Amino acid sequence: MSASEQNSEDNSVFRKKTKNTTTQKTKNVSNSDPGFASVSAAVLMLLGFLGCCGTWKASRCLLYLFAVLSIVLLIAEVALCIYCLVDRNRAIDQAQRGMQKSAVSISHHPGS
């Protein structure tokens, strides 16, 4: 079997799986993905600002608060990574649905 035949066979399997996944799970896709990204970006910005203010003012209270919140954020990220490793299939499905939703959104609104 040549490389091009193998590649086309792999692509057809991916297309079938992708089509099947989108038809079965379209109802579970949330519309809050941009909102979640905006909120998490705002939290990270405020956390960085808190660290800068604590350093500038040399305030132990602000620096301790910054350190505690940074550690909590780090623990949450590690927990999310562990969850993704444990429940790999569900994490992959959710990532694929998110990418497909983004691709559909971009294809319907190419200039915006």
N, C-alpha and C. Protein backbone atom coordinates (compact mmCIF):
# COMPACT_ATOMS: atom_id res chain seq x y z
N MET A 1 0.84 -1.17 0.00
CA MET A 1 0.00 0.00 0.00
C MET A 1 0.89 1.24 0.00
N SER A 2 0.64 2.14 -0.91
CA SER A 2 1.47 3.33 -1.02
C SER A 2 1.09 4.34 0.06
N ALA A 3 1.94 5.33 0.23
CA ALA A 3 1.72 6.34 1.25
C ALA A 3 0.47 7.17 0.96
N SER A 4 0.21 7.46 -0.33
CA SER A 4 -0.97 8.26 -0.66
C SER A 4 -2.26 7.49 -0.41
N GLU A 5 -2.24 6.18 -0.68
CA GLU A 5 -3.43 5.37 -0.40
C GLU A 5 -3.67 5.30 1.11
N GLN A 6 -2.61 5.15 1.90
CA GLN A 6 -2.74 5.10 3.36
C GLN A 6 -3.27 6.42 3.88
N ASN A 7 -2.76 7.53 3.34
CA ASN A 7 -3.19 8.84 3.77
C ASN A 7 -4.66 9.08 3.44
N SER A 8 -5.10 8.71 2.25
CA SER A 8 -6.51 8.91 1.88
C SER A 8 -7.41 8.02 2.72
N GLU A 9 -6.93 6.81 3.05
CA GLU A 9 -7.72 5.92 3.90
C GLU A 9 -7.85 6.50 5.31
N ASP A 10 -6.75 7.05 5.84
CA ASP A 10 -6.79 7.67 7.16
C ASP A 10 -7.73 8.87 7.17
N ASN A 11 -7.71 9.69 6.10
CA ASN A 11 -8.58 10.85 6.03
C ASN A 11 -10.05 10.45 5.96
N SER A 12 -10.36 9.39 5.24
CA SER A 12 -11.75 8.96 5.14
C SER A 12 -12.26 8.45 6.49
N VAL A 13 -11.40 7.76 7.24
CA VAL A 13 -11.79 7.31 8.57
C VAL A 13 -12.02 8.50 9.48
N PHE A 14 -11.14 9.51 9.40
CA PHE A 14 -11.30 10.70 10.22
C PHE A 14 -12.59 11.43 9.87
N ARG A 15 -12.88 11.55 8.58
CA ARG A 15 -14.10 12.23 8.16
C ARG A 15 -15.33 11.51 8.68
N LYS A 16 -15.34 10.18 8.60
CA LYS A 16 -16.49 9.42 9.10
C LYS A 16 -16.66 9.63 10.59
N LYS A 17 -15.57 9.56 11.35
CA LYS A 17 -15.65 9.73 12.79
C LYS A 17 -16.08 11.15 13.13
N THR A 18 -15.54 12.13 12.43
CA THR A 18 -15.90 13.52 12.69
C THR A 18 -17.38 13.76 12.41
N LYS A 19 -17.86 13.25 11.29
CA LYS A 19 -19.26 13.45 10.94
C LYS A 19 -20.16 12.79 11.96
N ASN A 20 -19.83 11.57 12.37
CA ASN A 20 -20.63 10.85 13.34
C ASN A 20 -20.62 11.57 14.69
N THR A 21 -19.46 12.07 15.11
CA THR A 21 -19.36 12.76 16.38
C THR A 21 -20.18 14.04 16.38
N THR A 22 -20.15 14.80 15.28
CA THR A 22 -20.88 16.06 15.26
C THR A 22 -22.38 15.83 15.24
N THR A 23 -22.86 14.80 14.57
CA THR A 23 -24.30 14.59 14.53
C THR A 23 -24.83 14.09 15.86
N GLN A 24 -24.03 13.32 16.60
CA GLN A 24 -24.50 12.79 17.87
C GLN A 24 -24.43 13.80 18.99
N LYS A 25 -23.43 14.68 19.01
CA LYS A 25 -23.16 15.50 20.17
C LYS A 25 -23.40 16.98 19.95
N THR A 26 -24.12 17.36 18.95
CA THR A 26 -24.34 18.77 18.67
C THR A 26 -25.16 19.43 19.77
N LYS A 27 -26.04 18.68 20.40
CA LYS A 27 -26.91 19.25 21.42
C LYS A 27 -26.16 19.64 22.68
N ASN A 28 -25.00 19.04 22.97
CA ASN A 28 -24.27 19.29 24.20
C ASN A 28 -23.29 20.45 24.10
N VAL A 29 -23.13 21.05 22.94
CA VAL A 29 -22.16 22.12 22.78
C VAL A 29 -22.70 23.38 23.44
N SER A 30 -21.86 23.98 24.26
CA SER A 30 -22.25 25.17 25.00
C SER A 30 -21.91 26.42 24.20
N ASN A 31 -22.69 27.47 24.39
CA ASN A 31 -22.42 28.73 23.71
C ASN A 31 -21.62 29.68 24.58
N SER A 32 -21.14 29.23 25.74
CA SER A 32 -20.45 30.11 26.67
C SER A 32 -18.94 30.06 26.53
N ASP A 33 -18.40 29.44 25.49
CA ASP A 33 -16.95 29.34 25.33
C ASP A 33 -16.28 30.70 25.24
N PRO A 34 -16.77 31.67 24.45
CA PRO A 34 -16.12 32.98 24.42
C PRO A 34 -16.24 33.71 25.76
N GLY A 35 -17.34 33.52 26.45
CA GLY A 35 -17.52 34.14 27.76
C GLY A 35 -16.54 33.59 28.78
N PHE A 36 -16.33 32.29 28.75
CA PHE A 36 -15.37 31.67 29.66
C PHE A 36 -13.97 32.18 29.39
N ALA A 37 -13.60 32.30 28.14
CA ALA A 37 -12.28 32.80 27.78
C ALA A 37 -12.11 34.24 28.25
N SER A 38 -13.13 35.05 28.10
CA SER A 38 -13.06 36.45 28.52
C SER A 38 -12.93 36.57 30.03
N VAL A 39 -13.70 35.78 30.76
CA VAL A 39 -13.65 35.82 32.21
C VAL A 39 -12.30 35.35 32.72
N SER A 40 -11.80 34.26 32.17
CA SER A 40 -10.50 33.76 32.64
C SER A 40 -9.38 34.74 32.29
N ALA A 41 -9.46 35.41 31.16
CA ALA A 41 -8.46 36.42 30.81
C ALA A 41 -8.52 37.60 31.77
N ALA A 42 -9.72 38.00 32.16
CA ALA A 42 -9.88 39.11 33.10
C ALA A 42 -9.32 38.73 34.48
N VAL A 43 -9.56 37.50 34.90
CA VAL A 43 -9.04 37.05 36.20
C VAL A 43 -7.51 37.04 36.18
N LEU A 44 -6.93 36.55 35.10
CA LEU A 44 -5.47 36.53 35.00
C LEU A 44 -4.89 37.95 34.96
N MET A 45 -5.58 38.86 34.29
CA MET A 45 -5.13 40.24 34.23
C MET A 45 -5.17 40.87 35.63
N LEU A 46 -6.25 40.63 36.36
CA LEU A 46 -6.36 41.17 37.71
C LEU A 46 -5.32 40.55 38.64
N LEU A 47 -5.04 39.27 38.47
CA LEU A 47 -4.02 38.62 39.28
C LEU A 47 -2.65 39.23 39.00
N GLY A 48 -2.33 39.47 37.76
CA GLY A 48 -1.07 40.11 37.41
C GLY A 48 -0.99 41.54 37.96
N PHE A 49 -2.09 42.26 37.87
CA PHE A 49 -2.14 43.62 38.41
C PHE A 49 -1.94 43.61 39.91
N LEU A 50 -2.54 42.64 40.57
CA LEU A 50 -2.39 42.49 42.02
C LEU A 50 -0.93 42.27 42.39
N GLY A 51 -0.25 41.41 41.63
CA GLY A 51 1.17 41.16 41.87
C GLY A 51 2.02 42.40 41.64
N CYS A 52 1.70 43.15 40.59
CA CYS A 52 2.45 44.38 40.31
C CYS A 52 2.24 45.43 41.41
N CYS A 53 1.00 45.59 41.82
CA CYS A 53 0.72 46.57 42.89
C CYS A 53 1.38 46.17 44.20
N GLY A 54 1.34 44.87 44.51
CA GLY A 54 1.98 44.40 45.73
C GLY A 54 3.47 44.63 45.72
N THR A 55 4.10 44.46 44.57
CA THR A 55 5.54 44.70 44.46
C THR A 55 5.85 46.18 44.52
N TRP A 56 5.06 46.98 43.83
CA TRP A 56 5.32 48.42 43.77
C TRP A 56 5.16 49.07 45.14
N LYS A 57 4.10 48.67 45.85
CA LYS A 57 3.84 49.24 47.18
C LYS A 57 4.61 48.52 48.28
N ALA A 58 5.26 47.41 47.94
CA ALA A 58 5.97 46.58 48.92
C ALA A 58 5.03 46.16 50.05
N SER A 59 3.84 45.78 49.67
CA SER A 59 2.82 45.37 50.63
C SER A 59 2.85 43.85 50.79
N ARG A 60 3.13 43.40 52.00
CA ARG A 60 3.16 41.96 52.25
C ARG A 60 1.78 41.34 52.06
N CYS A 61 0.76 42.04 52.46
CA CYS A 61 -0.60 41.51 52.34
C CYS A 61 -0.94 41.23 50.88
N LEU A 62 -0.68 42.19 49.99
CA LEU A 62 -0.97 42.01 48.57
C LEU A 62 -0.10 40.90 47.97
N LEU A 63 1.16 40.84 48.39
CA LEU A 63 2.04 39.81 47.86
C LEU A 63 1.63 38.42 48.33
N TYR A 64 1.20 38.31 49.59
CA TYR A 64 0.71 37.01 50.08
C TYR A 64 -0.57 36.61 49.35
N LEU A 65 -1.46 37.57 49.13
CA LEU A 65 -2.70 37.29 48.39
C LEU A 65 -2.37 36.85 46.96
N PHE A 66 -1.43 37.54 46.33
CA PHE A 66 -1.00 37.16 44.98
C PHE A 66 -0.43 35.75 44.97
N ALA A 67 0.41 35.43 45.95
CA ALA A 67 1.02 34.10 46.02
C ALA A 67 -0.04 33.01 46.24
N VAL A 68 -0.97 33.25 47.13
CA VAL A 68 -2.02 32.26 47.41
C VAL A 68 -2.89 32.05 46.18
N LEU A 69 -3.31 33.11 45.53
CA LEU A 69 -4.14 32.98 44.34
C LEU A 69 -3.38 32.31 43.19
N SER A 70 -2.08 32.59 43.08
CA SER A 70 -1.27 31.92 42.06
C SER A 70 -1.16 30.43 42.33
N ILE A 71 -1.00 30.05 43.59
CA ILE A 71 -0.92 28.64 43.95
C ILE A 71 -2.25 27.95 43.70
N VAL A 72 -3.35 28.61 44.03
CA VAL A 72 -4.68 28.04 43.76
C VAL A 72 -4.87 27.83 42.27
N LEU A 73 -4.47 28.79 41.47
CA LEU A 73 -4.57 28.67 40.02
C LEU A 73 -3.70 27.54 39.50
N LEU A 74 -2.50 27.40 40.03
CA LEU A 74 -1.62 26.31 39.63
C LEU A 74 -2.23 24.95 39.99
N ILE A 75 -2.80 24.83 41.18
CA ILE A 75 -3.44 23.57 41.59
C ILE A 75 -4.62 23.25 40.68
N ALA A 76 -5.40 24.26 40.31
CA ALA A 76 -6.53 24.04 39.41
C ALA A 76 -6.05 23.56 38.04
N GLU A 77 -4.96 24.13 37.54
CA GLU A 77 -4.42 23.72 36.25
C GLU A 77 -3.90 22.28 36.30
N VAL A 78 -3.22 21.92 37.38
CA VAL A 78 -2.73 20.55 37.53
C VAL A 78 -3.90 19.58 37.63
N ALA A 79 -4.94 19.96 38.37
CA ALA A 79 -6.12 19.10 38.50
C ALA A 79 -6.79 18.91 37.13
N LEU A 80 -6.87 19.96 36.34
CA LEU A 80 -7.45 19.85 35.00
C LEU A 80 -6.62 18.93 34.12
N CYS A 81 -5.31 19.04 34.21
CA CYS A 81 -4.43 18.15 33.42
C CYS A 81 -4.61 16.70 33.84
N ILE A 82 -4.70 16.45 35.13
CA ILE A 82 -4.91 15.08 35.62
C ILE A 82 -6.25 14.55 35.14
N TYR A 83 -7.28 15.39 35.20
CA TYR A 83 -8.60 14.98 34.73
C TYR A 83 -8.55 14.62 33.24
N CYS A 84 -7.85 15.43 32.47
CA CYS A 84 -7.75 15.16 31.03
C CYS A 84 -6.99 13.87 30.76
N LEU A 85 -5.99 13.57 31.57
CA LEU A 85 -5.26 12.32 31.39
C LEU A 85 -6.10 11.11 31.80
N VAL A 86 -6.88 11.26 32.86
CA VAL A 86 -7.70 10.14 33.35
C VAL A 86 -8.86 9.89 32.40
N ASP A 87 -9.55 10.92 32.01
CA ASP A 87 -10.72 10.77 31.14
C ASP A 87 -10.37 11.30 29.75
N ARG A 88 -9.37 10.68 29.16
CA ARG A 88 -8.80 11.15 27.89
C ARG A 88 -9.83 11.19 26.76
N ASN A 89 -10.66 10.17 26.64
CA ASN A 89 -11.62 10.12 25.52
C ASN A 89 -12.61 11.28 25.58
N ARG A 90 -13.10 11.56 26.77
CA ARG A 90 -14.06 12.66 26.90
C ARG A 90 -13.38 14.01 26.62
N ALA A 91 -12.15 14.17 27.10
CA ALA A 91 -11.42 15.41 26.86
C ALA A 91 -11.16 15.60 25.37
N ILE A 92 -10.80 14.52 24.67
CA ILE A 92 -10.56 14.61 23.23
C ILE A 92 -11.84 14.95 22.50
N ASP A 93 -12.95 14.33 22.88
CA ASP A 93 -14.24 14.63 22.25
C ASP A 93 -14.62 16.10 22.44
N GLN A 94 -14.44 16.60 23.65
CA GLN A 94 -14.77 18.00 23.90
C GLN A 94 -13.88 18.94 23.11
N ALA A 95 -12.60 18.62 23.01
CA ALA A 95 -11.69 19.46 22.23
C ALA A 95 -12.06 19.43 20.75
N GLN A 96 -12.41 18.25 20.23
CA GLN A 96 -12.79 18.16 18.82
C GLN A 96 -14.09 18.93 18.56
N ARG A 97 -15.05 18.82 19.48
CA ARG A 97 -16.30 19.58 19.29
C ARG A 97 -16.04 21.08 19.30
N GLY A 98 -15.16 21.52 20.19
CA GLY A 98 -14.83 22.94 20.24
C GLY A 98 -14.16 23.42 18.96
N MET A 99 -13.24 22.61 18.45
CA MET A 99 -12.56 22.98 17.20
C MET A 99 -13.53 22.97 16.02
N GLN A 100 -14.43 21.98 15.98
CA GLN A 100 -15.41 21.93 14.89
C GLN A 100 -16.36 23.12 14.97
N LYS A 101 -16.77 23.47 16.18
CA LYS A 101 -17.66 24.62 16.35
C LYS A 101 -16.96 25.90 15.89
N SER A 102 -15.68 26.03 16.22
CA SER A 102 -14.92 27.21 15.78
C SER A 102 -14.78 27.24 14.28
N ALA A 103 -14.50 26.08 13.69
CA ALA A 103 -14.35 26.01 12.23
C ALA A 103 -15.65 26.37 11.53
N VAL A 104 -16.77 25.90 12.05
CA VAL A 104 -18.07 26.22 11.45
C VAL A 104 -18.34 27.71 11.60
N SER A 105 -18.04 28.25 12.77
CA SER A 105 -18.27 29.68 13.00
C SER A 105 -17.41 30.53 12.06
N ILE A 106 -16.16 30.13 11.87
CA ILE A 106 -15.27 30.88 10.98
C ILE A 106 -15.72 30.75 9.53
N SER A 107 -16.19 29.57 9.14
CA SER A 107 -16.61 29.39 7.75
C SER A 107 -17.90 30.18 7.45
N HIS A 108 -18.76 30.37 8.46
CA HIS A 108 -19.98 31.15 8.24
C HIS A 108 -19.74 32.65 8.30
N HIS A 109 -18.70 33.07 9.01
CA HIS A 109 -18.38 34.50 9.16
C HIS A 109 -16.89 34.70 8.85
N PRO A 110 -16.46 34.57 7.60
CA PRO A 110 -15.03 34.59 7.29
C PRO A 110 -14.33 35.93 7.55
N GLY A 111 -15.00 37.04 7.43
CA GLY A 111 -14.34 38.33 7.57
C GLY A 111 -14.38 38.91 8.96
N SER A 112 -15.16 38.33 9.84
CA SER A 112 -15.32 38.96 11.16
C SER A 112 -14.58 38.29 12.25
